[in-house]
PDB file of all heavy atoms in Angstrom:
ATOM      1  N   CYS A   1     163.882  93.624  59.949  1.00  0.00           N
ATOM      2  CA  CYS A   1     165.337  93.710  60.079  1.00  0.00           C
ATOM      3  C   CYS A   1     165.726  94.600  61.263  1.00  0.00           C
ATOM      4  O   CYS A   1     166.642  94.270  62.026  1.00  0.00           O
ATOM      5  CB  CYS A   1     165.928  94.254  58.781  1.00  0.00           C
ATOM      6  SG  CYS A   1     167.732  94.165  58.711  1.00  0.00           S
ATOM      7  N   LEU A   2     165.039  95.719  61.391  1.00  0.00           N
ATOM      8  CA  LEU A   2     165.258  96.612  62.534  1.00  0.00           C
ATOM      9  C   LEU A   2     165.088  95.850  63.845  1.00  0.00           C
ATOM     10  O   LEU A   2     165.907  95.963  64.769  1.00  0.00           O
ATOM     11  CB  LEU A   2     164.273  97.773  62.450  1.00  0.00           C
ATOM     12  CG  LEU A   2     164.285  98.813  63.567  1.00  0.00           C
ATOM     13  CD1 LEU A   2     165.590  99.583  63.554  1.00  0.00           C
ATOM     14  CD2 LEU A   2     163.096  99.763  63.413  1.00  0.00           C
ATOM     15  N   ARG A   3     164.040  95.070  63.908  1.00  0.00           N
ATOM     16  CA  ARG A   3     163.757  94.246  65.092  1.00  0.00           C
ATOM     17  C   ARG A   3     164.914  93.293  65.373  1.00  0.00           C
ATOM     18  O   ARG A   3     165.364  93.155  66.522  1.00  0.00           O
ATOM     19  CB  ARG A   3     162.466  93.457  64.864  1.00  0.00           C
ATOM     20  CG  ARG A   3     162.110  92.455  65.961  1.00  0.00           C
ATOM     21  CD  ARG A   3     160.865  91.667  65.545  1.00  0.00           C
ATOM     22  NE  ARG A   3     160.397  90.784  66.609  1.00  0.00           N
ATOM     23  CZ  ARG A   3     160.835  89.547  66.795  1.00  0.00           C
ATOM     24  NH1 ARG A   3     161.782  89.054  65.991  1.00  0.00           N
ATOM     25  NH2 ARG A   3     160.351  88.801  67.769  1.00  0.00           N
ATOM     26  N   ALA A   4     165.402  92.634  64.324  1.00  0.00           N
ATOM     27  CA  ALA A   4     166.476  91.661  64.505  1.00  0.00           C
ATOM     28  C   ALA A   4     167.763  92.318  64.978  1.00  0.00           C
ATOM     29  O   ALA A   4     168.453  91.803  65.868  1.00  0.00           O
ATOM     30  CB  ALA A   4     166.717  90.918  63.186  1.00  0.00           C
ATOM     31  N   VAL A   5     168.094  93.468  64.393  1.00  0.00           N
ATOM     32  CA  VAL A   5     169.316  94.180  64.796  1.00  0.00           C
ATOM     33  C   VAL A   5     169.233  94.573  66.264  1.00  0.00           C
ATOM     34  O   VAL A   5     170.171  94.344  67.045  1.00  0.00           O
ATOM     35  CB  VAL A   5     169.529  95.430  63.917  1.00  0.00           C
ATOM     36  CG1 VAL A   5     170.691  96.270  64.457  1.00  0.00           C
ATOM     37  CG2 VAL A   5     169.792  95.041  62.470  1.00  0.00           C
ATOM     38  N   ILE A   6     168.121  95.164  66.663  1.00  0.00           N
ATOM     39  CA  ILE A   6     167.970  95.637  68.044  1.00  0.00           C
ATOM     40  C   ILE A   6     168.006  94.481  69.027  1.00  0.00           C
ATOM     41  O   ILE A   6     168.729  94.518  70.035  1.00  0.00           O
ATOM     42  CB  ILE A   6     166.665  96.448  68.195  1.00  0.00           C
ATOM     43  CG1 ILE A   6     166.761  97.751  67.398  1.00  0.00           C
ATOM     44  CG2 ILE A   6     166.378  96.743  69.667  1.00  0.00           C
ATOM     45  CD1 ILE A   6     165.457  98.527  67.314  1.00  0.00           C
ATOM     46  N   ARG A   7     167.251  93.439  68.744  1.00  0.00           N
ATOM     47  CA  ARG A   7     167.183  92.313  69.684  1.00  0.00           C
ATOM     48  C   ARG A   7     168.509  91.566  69.769  1.00  0.00           C
ATOM     49  O   ARG A   7     168.917  91.144  70.859  1.00  0.00           O
ATOM     50  CB  ARG A   7     166.050  91.367  69.282  1.00  0.00           C
ATOM     51  CG  ARG A   7     164.675  91.978  69.515  1.00  0.00           C
ATOM     52  CD  ARG A   7     163.575  90.945  69.440  1.00  0.00           C
ATOM     53  NE  ARG A   7     162.294  91.525  69.849  1.00  0.00           N
ATOM     54  CZ  ARG A   7     161.314  90.835  70.408  1.00  0.00           C
ATOM     55  NH1 ARG A   7     161.446  89.546  70.623  1.00  0.00           N
ATOM     56  NH2 ARG A   7     160.181  91.435  70.745  1.00  0.00           N
ATOM     57  N   ALA A   8     169.185  91.392  68.627  1.00  0.00           N
ATOM     58  CA  ALA A   8     170.481  90.711  68.656  1.00  0.00           C
ATOM     59  C   ALA A   8     171.489  91.531  69.453  1.00  0.00           C
ATOM     60  O   ALA A   8     172.305  90.978  70.206  1.00  0.00           O
ATOM     61  CB  ALA A   8     170.979  90.479  67.233  1.00  0.00           C
ATOM     62  N   GLY A   9     171.445  92.853  69.300  1.00  0.00           N
ATOM     63  CA  GLY A   9     172.341  93.711  70.055  1.00  0.00           C
ATOM     64  C   GLY A   9     172.067  93.671  71.544  1.00  0.00           C
ATOM     65  O   GLY A   9     172.990  93.545  72.358  1.00  0.00           O
ATOM     66  N   LEU A  10     170.800  93.769  71.911  1.00  0.00           N
ATOM     67  CA  LEU A  10     170.428  93.716  73.323  1.00  0.00           C
ATOM     68  C   LEU A  10     170.817  92.376  73.951  1.00  0.00           C
ATOM     69  O   LEU A  10     171.259  92.319  75.112  1.00  0.00           O
ATOM     70  CB  LEU A  10     168.923  93.950  73.484  1.00  0.00           C
ATOM     71  CG  LEU A  10     168.424  95.367  73.139  1.00  0.00           C
ATOM     72  CD1 LEU A  10     166.900  95.402  73.163  1.00  0.00           C
ATOM     73  CD2 LEU A  10     169.004  96.403  74.096  1.00  0.00           C
ATOM     74  N   TYR A  11     170.664  91.314  73.195  1.00  0.00           N
ATOM     75  CA  TYR A  11     171.033  89.975  73.671  1.00  0.00           C
ATOM     76  C   TYR A  11     172.519  89.920  74.030  1.00  0.00           C
ATOM     77  O   TYR A  11     172.916  89.219  74.972  1.00  0.00           O
ATOM     78  CB  TYR A  11     170.701  88.936  72.596  1.00  0.00           C
ATOM     79  CG  TYR A  11     171.034  87.518  72.980  1.00  0.00           C
ATOM     80  CD1 TYR A  11     170.172  86.773  73.790  1.00  0.00           C
ATOM     81  CD2 TYR A  11     172.213  86.912  72.524  1.00  0.00           C
ATOM     82  CE1 TYR A  11     170.481  85.466  74.143  1.00  0.00           C
ATOM     83  CE2 TYR A  11     172.526  85.610  72.872  1.00  0.00           C
ATOM     84  CZ  TYR A  11     171.662  84.890  73.683  1.00  0.00           C
ATOM     85  OH  TYR A  11     171.961  83.589  74.031  1.00  0.00           O
ATOM     86  N   GLN A  12     173.333  90.694  73.294  1.00  0.00           N
ATOM     87  CA  GLN A  12     174.779  90.728  73.541  1.00  0.00           C
ATOM     88  C   GLN A  12     175.167  91.782  74.566  1.00  0.00           C
ATOM     89  O   GLN A  12     176.368  92.016  74.805  1.00  0.00           O
ATOM     90  CB  GLN A  12     175.519  90.998  72.225  1.00  0.00           C
ATOM     91  CG  GLN A  12     175.355  89.917  71.176  1.00  0.00           C
ATOM     92  CD  GLN A  12     176.021  88.601  71.559  1.00  0.00           C
ATOM     93  OE1 GLN A  12     176.892  88.564  72.446  1.00  0.00           O
ATOM     94  NE2 GLN A  12     175.620  87.518  70.923  1.00  0.00           N
ATOM     95  N   GLY A  13     174.175  92.427  75.176  1.00  0.00           N
ATOM     96  CA  GLY A  13     174.462  93.412  76.212  1.00  0.00           C
ATOM     97  C   GLY A  13     174.839  94.785  75.682  1.00  0.00           C
ATOM     98  O   GLY A  13     175.411  95.607  76.408  1.00  0.00           O
ATOM     99  N   ILE A  14     174.502  95.061  74.429  1.00  0.00           N
ATOM    100  CA  ILE A  14     174.828  96.333  73.801  1.00  0.00           C
ATOM    101  C   ILE A  14     173.688  97.334  74.029  1.00  0.00           C
ATOM    102  O   ILE A  14     172.514  96.971  74.001  1.00  0.00           O
ATOM    103  CB  ILE A  14     175.042  96.146  72.282  1.00  0.00           C
ATOM    104  CG1 ILE A  14     176.116  95.091  72.013  1.00  0.00           C
ATOM    105  CG2 ILE A  14     175.380  97.464  71.609  1.00  0.00           C
ATOM    106  CD1 ILE A  14     177.482  95.452  72.518  1.00  0.00           C
ATOM    107  N   ASP A  15     174.025  98.589  74.237  1.00  0.00           N
ATOM    108  CA  ASP A  15     173.016  99.655  74.253  1.00  0.00           C
ATOM    109  C   ASP A  15     172.644  99.966  72.805  1.00  0.00           C
ATOM    110  O   ASP A  15     173.509 100.274  71.980  1.00  0.00           O
ATOM    111  CB  ASP A  15     173.574 100.912  74.918  1.00  0.00           C
ATOM    112  CG  ASP A  15     173.767 100.752  76.417  1.00  0.00           C
ATOM    113  OD1 ASP A  15     173.137  99.849  77.000  1.00  0.00           O
ATOM    114  OD2 ASP A  15     174.564 101.523  76.990  1.00  0.00           O
ATOM    115  N   MET A  16     171.333  99.892  72.509  1.00  0.00           N
ATOM    116  CA  MET A  16     170.875 100.040  71.135  1.00  0.00           C
ATOM    117  C   MET A  16     170.142 101.370  70.934  1.00  0.00           C
ATOM    118  O   MET A  16     169.349 101.795  71.780  1.00  0.00           O
ATOM    119  CB  MET A  16     169.959  98.881  70.742  1.00  0.00           C
ATOM    120  CG  MET A  16     170.643  97.516  70.763  1.00  0.00           C
ATOM    121  SD  MET A  16     172.092  97.408  69.649  1.00  0.00           S
ATOM    122  CE  MET A  16     171.326  97.755  68.057  1.00  0.00           C
ATOM    123  N   TYR A  17     170.411 101.994  69.790  1.00  0.00           N
ATOM    124  CA  TYR A  17     169.819 103.280  69.442  1.00  0.00           C
ATOM    125  C   TYR A  17     169.205 103.202  68.034  1.00  0.00           C
ATOM    126  O   TYR A  17     169.677 102.447  67.182  1.00  0.00           O
ATOM    127  CB  TYR A  17     170.885 104.380  69.444  1.00  0.00           C
ATOM    128  CG  TYR A  17     171.431 104.705  70.810  1.00  0.00           C
ATOM    129  CD1 TYR A  17     172.329 103.838  71.445  1.00  0.00           C
ATOM    130  CD2 TYR A  17     171.056 105.870  71.483  1.00  0.00           C
ATOM    131  CE1 TYR A  17     172.829 104.122  72.705  1.00  0.00           C
ATOM    132  CE2 TYR A  17     171.562 106.159  72.745  1.00  0.00           C
ATOM    133  CZ  TYR A  17     172.445 105.287  73.344  1.00  0.00           C
ATOM    134  OH  TYR A  17     172.936 105.578  74.609  1.00  0.00           O
ATOM    135  N   VAL A  18     168.164 104.001  67.813  1.00  0.00           N
ATOM    136  CA  VAL A  18     167.617 104.151  66.464  1.00  0.00           C
ATOM    137  C   VAL A  18     167.799 105.597  66.030  1.00  0.00           C
ATOM    138  O   VAL A  18     167.849 106.506  66.853  1.00  0.00           O
ATOM    139  CB  VAL A  18     166.124 103.758  66.389  1.00  0.00           C
ATOM    140  CG1 VAL A  18     165.935 102.285  66.714  1.00  0.00           C
ATOM    141  CG2 VAL A  18     165.272 104.633  67.296  1.00  0.00           C
ATOM    142  N   ILE A  19     167.901 105.767  64.723  1.00  0.00           N
ATOM    143  CA  ILE A  19     168.030 107.101  64.127  1.00  0.00           C
ATOM    144  C   ILE A  19     166.829 107.311  63.209  1.00  0.00           C
ATOM    145  O   ILE A  19     166.616 106.530  62.274  1.00  0.00           O
ATOM    146  CB  ILE A  19     169.339 107.230  63.331  1.00  0.00           C
ATOM    147  CG1 ILE A  19     170.540 106.997  64.262  1.00  0.00           C
ATOM    148  CG2 ILE A  19     169.427 108.598  62.659  1.00  0.00           C
ATOM    149  CD1 ILE A  19     171.865 106.877  63.537  1.00  0.00           C
ATOM    150  N   TYR A  20     166.042 108.320  63.493  1.00  0.00           N
ATOM    151  CA  TYR A  20     164.850 108.598  62.691  1.00  0.00           C
ATOM    152  C   TYR A  20     165.217 109.362  61.414  1.00  0.00           C
ATOM    153  O   TYR A  20     166.144 110.158  61.390  1.00  0.00           O
ATOM    154  CB  TYR A  20     163.842 109.409  63.512  1.00  0.00           C
ATOM    155  CG  TYR A  20     163.157 108.599  64.586  1.00  0.00           C
ATOM    156  CD1 TYR A  20     163.694 108.508  65.868  1.00  0.00           C
ATOM    157  CD2 TYR A  20     161.977 107.911  64.309  1.00  0.00           C
ATOM    158  CE1 TYR A  20     163.070 107.747  66.854  1.00  0.00           C
ATOM    159  CE2 TYR A  20     161.348 107.154  65.296  1.00  0.00           C
ATOM    160  CZ  TYR A  20     161.889 107.074  66.557  1.00  0.00           C
ATOM    161  OH  TYR A  20     161.277 106.321  67.537  1.00  0.00           O
ATOM    162  N   ASP A  21     164.458 109.088  60.345  1.00  0.00           N
ATOM    163  CA  ASP A  21     164.595 109.813  59.073  1.00  0.00           C
ATOM    164  C   ASP A  21     165.943 109.630  58.393  1.00  0.00           C
ATOM    165  O   ASP A  21     166.475 110.548  57.762  1.00  0.00           O
ATOM    166  CB  ASP A  21     164.312 111.308  59.271  1.00  0.00           C
ATOM    167  CG  ASP A  21     162.874 111.552  59.716  1.00  0.00           C
ATOM    168  OD1 ASP A  21     161.969 110.879  59.185  1.00  0.00           O
ATOM    169  OD2 ASP A  21     162.660 112.399  60.595  1.00  0.00           O
ATOM    170  N   GLY A  22     166.502 108.431  58.510  1.00  0.00           N
ATOM    171  CA  GLY A  22     167.669 108.061  57.733  1.00  0.00           C
ATOM    172  C   GLY A  22     168.891 108.934  57.955  1.00  0.00           C
ATOM    173  O   GLY A  22     169.152 109.431  59.055  1.00  0.00           O
ATOM    174  N   LEU A  23     169.651 109.135  56.891  1.00  0.00           N
ATOM    175  CA  LEU A  23     170.881 109.928  56.986  1.00  0.00           C
ATOM    176  C   LEU A  23     170.592 111.379  57.344  1.00  0.00           C
ATOM    177  O   LEU A  23     171.384 112.028  58.029  1.00  0.00           O
ATOM    178  CB  LEU A  23     171.657 109.849  55.668  1.00  0.00           C
ATOM    179  CG  LEU A  23     172.234 108.476  55.316  1.00  0.00           C
ATOM    180  CD1 LEU A  23     172.843 108.491  53.922  1.00  0.00           C
ATOM    181  CD2 LEU A  23     173.277 108.033  56.344  1.00  0.00           C
ATOM    182  N   ARG A  24     169.437 111.876  56.905  1.00  0.00           N
ATOM    183  CA  ARG A  24     169.065 113.243  57.270  1.00  0.00           C
ATOM    184  C   ARG A  24     168.879 113.352  58.777  1.00  0.00           C
ATOM    185  O   ARG A  24     169.347 114.313  59.411  1.00  0.00           O
ATOM    186  CB  ARG A  24     167.783 113.665  56.553  1.00  0.00           C
ATOM    187  CG  ARG A  24     167.428 115.136  56.763  1.00  0.00           C
ATOM    188  CD  ARG A  24     166.136 115.496  56.056  1.00  0.00           C
ATOM    189  NE  ARG A  24     164.971 114.897  56.704  1.00  0.00           N
ATOM    190  CZ  ARG A  24     163.761 114.800  56.161  1.00  0.00           C
ATOM    191  NH1 ARG A  24     163.563 115.235  54.934  1.00  0.00           N
ATOM    192  NH2 ARG A  24     162.762 114.270  56.833  1.00  0.00           N
ATOM    193  N   GLY A  25     168.215 112.363  59.355  1.00  0.00           N
ATOM    194  CA  GLY A  25     168.026 112.366  60.799  1.00  0.00           C
ATOM    195  C   GLY A  25     169.332 112.215  61.554  1.00  0.00           C
ATOM    196  O   GLY A  25     169.492 112.774  62.646  1.00  0.00           O
ATOM    197  N   LEU A  26     170.279 111.491  60.975  1.00  0.00           N
ATOM    198  CA  LEU A  26     171.594 111.367  61.600  1.00  0.00           C
ATOM    199  C   LEU A  26     172.276 112.722  61.660  1.00  0.00           C
ATOM    200  O   LEU A  26     172.813 113.118  62.700  1.00  0.00           O
ATOM    201  CB  LEU A  26     172.444 110.367  60.808  1.00  0.00           C
ATOM    202  CG  LEU A  26     173.915 110.252  61.222  1.00  0.00           C
ATOM    203  CD1 LEU A  26     174.053 109.908  62.698  1.00  0.00           C
ATOM    204  CD2 LEU A  26     174.620 109.206  60.353  1.00  0.00           C
ATOM    205  N   VAL A  27     172.255 113.450  60.564  1.00  0.00           N
ATOM    206  CA  VAL A  27     172.874 114.775  60.524  1.00  0.00           C
ATOM    207  C   VAL A  27     172.215 115.712  61.531  1.00  0.00           C
ATOM    208  O   VAL A  27     172.880 116.528  62.188  1.00  0.00           O
ATOM    209  CB  VAL A  27     172.793 115.369  59.100  1.00  0.00           C
ATOM    210  CG1 VAL A  27     173.279 116.817  59.088  1.00  0.00           C
ATOM    211  CG2 VAL A  27     173.613 114.525  58.126  1.00  0.00           C
ATOM    212  N   GLU A  28     170.901 115.564  61.692  1.00  0.00           N
ATOM    213  CA  GLU A  28     170.151 116.432  62.596  1.00  0.00           C
ATOM    214  C   GLU A  28     170.171 115.952  64.043  1.00  0.00           C
ATOM    215  O   GLU A  28     169.649 116.634  64.928  1.00  0.00           O
ATOM    216  CB  GLU A  28     168.702 116.544  62.114  1.00  0.00           C
ATOM    217  CG  GLU A  28     168.568 117.219  60.746  1.00  0.00           C
ATOM    218  CD  GLU A  28     167.158 117.158  60.208  1.00  0.00           C
ATOM    219  OE1 GLU A  28     166.310 116.453  60.823  1.00  0.00           O
ATOM    220  OE2 GLU A  28     166.882 117.790  59.171  1.00  0.00           O
ATOM    221  N   GLY A  29     170.717 114.764  64.290  1.00  0.00           N
ATOM    222  CA  GLY A  29     170.806 114.257  65.653  1.00  0.00           C
ATOM    223  C   GLY A  29     169.525 113.651  66.187  1.00  0.00           C
ATOM    224  O   GLY A  29     169.302 113.641  67.408  1.00  0.00           O
ATOM    225  N   GLN A  30     168.691 113.109  65.311  1.00  0.00           N
ATOM    226  CA  GLN A  30     167.441 112.474  65.751  1.00  0.00           C
ATOM    227  C   GLN A  30     167.733 111.034  66.194  1.00  0.00           C
ATOM    228  O   GLN A  30     167.365 110.059  65.534  1.00  0.00           O
ATOM    229  CB  GLN A  30     166.418 112.492  64.624  1.00  0.00           C
ATOM    230  CG  GLN A  30     166.000 113.887  64.190  1.00  0.00           C
ATOM    231  CD  GLN A  30     164.927 113.834  63.130  1.00  0.00           C
ATOM    232  OE1 GLN A  30     163.911 113.141  63.278  1.00  0.00           O
ATOM    233  NE2 GLN A  30     165.131 114.556  62.043  1.00  0.00           N
ATOM    234  N   ILE A  31     168.384 110.910  67.317  1.00  0.00           N
ATOM    235  CA  ILE A  31     168.897 109.631  67.811  1.00  0.00           C
ATOM    236  C   ILE A  31     168.259 109.329  69.168  1.00  0.00           C
ATOM    237  O   ILE A  31     168.225 110.191  70.053  1.00  0.00           O
ATOM    238  CB  ILE A  31     170.431 109.680  67.935  1.00  0.00           C
ATOM    239  CG1 ILE A  31     171.053 110.019  66.572  1.00  0.00           C
ATOM    240  CG2 ILE A  31     170.967 108.357  68.460  1.00  0.00           C
ATOM    241  CD1 ILE A  31     172.549 110.292  66.630  1.00  0.00           C
ATOM    242  N   LYS A  32     167.755 108.096  69.319  1.00  0.00           N
ATOM    243  CA  LYS A  32     167.039 107.732  70.551  1.00  0.00           C
ATOM    244  C   LYS A  32     167.417 106.320  70.984  1.00  0.00           C
ATOM    245  O   LYS A  32     167.448 105.404  70.166  1.00  0.00           O
ATOM    246  CB  LYS A  32     165.528 107.808  70.311  1.00  0.00           C
ATOM    247  CG  LYS A  32     164.680 107.367  71.488  1.00  0.00           C
ATOM    248  CD  LYS A  32     163.202 107.375  71.133  1.00  0.00           C
ATOM    249  CE  LYS A  32     162.359 106.846  72.288  1.00  0.00           C
ATOM    250  NZ  LYS A  32     160.916 106.785  71.931  1.00  0.00           N
ATOM    251  N   GLN A  33     167.693 106.171  72.275  1.00  0.00           N
ATOM    252  CA  GLN A  33     167.962 104.833  72.797  1.00  0.00           C
ATOM    253  C   GLN A  33     166.657 104.046  72.911  1.00  0.00           C
ATOM    254  O   GLN A  33     165.606 104.618  73.233  1.00  0.00           O
ATOM    255  CB  GLN A  33     168.639 104.903  74.164  1.00  0.00           C
ATOM    256  CG  GLN A  33     169.085 103.527  74.675  1.00  0.00           C
ATOM    257  CD  GLN A  33     169.914 103.604  75.948  1.00  0.00           C
ATOM    258  OE1 GLN A  33     170.127 104.693  76.508  1.00  0.00           O
ATOM    259  NE2 GLN A  33     170.390 102.464  76.415  1.00  0.00           N
TER     260      GLN A  33
END
């Protein structure tokens, strides 16, 4: 699913990011393009 979200977004010209460690990682800013 992660693969599909990223590839579909890139196909539409969107900058795609992942967040490590779920909601905890979001709070901590573990965000990577």
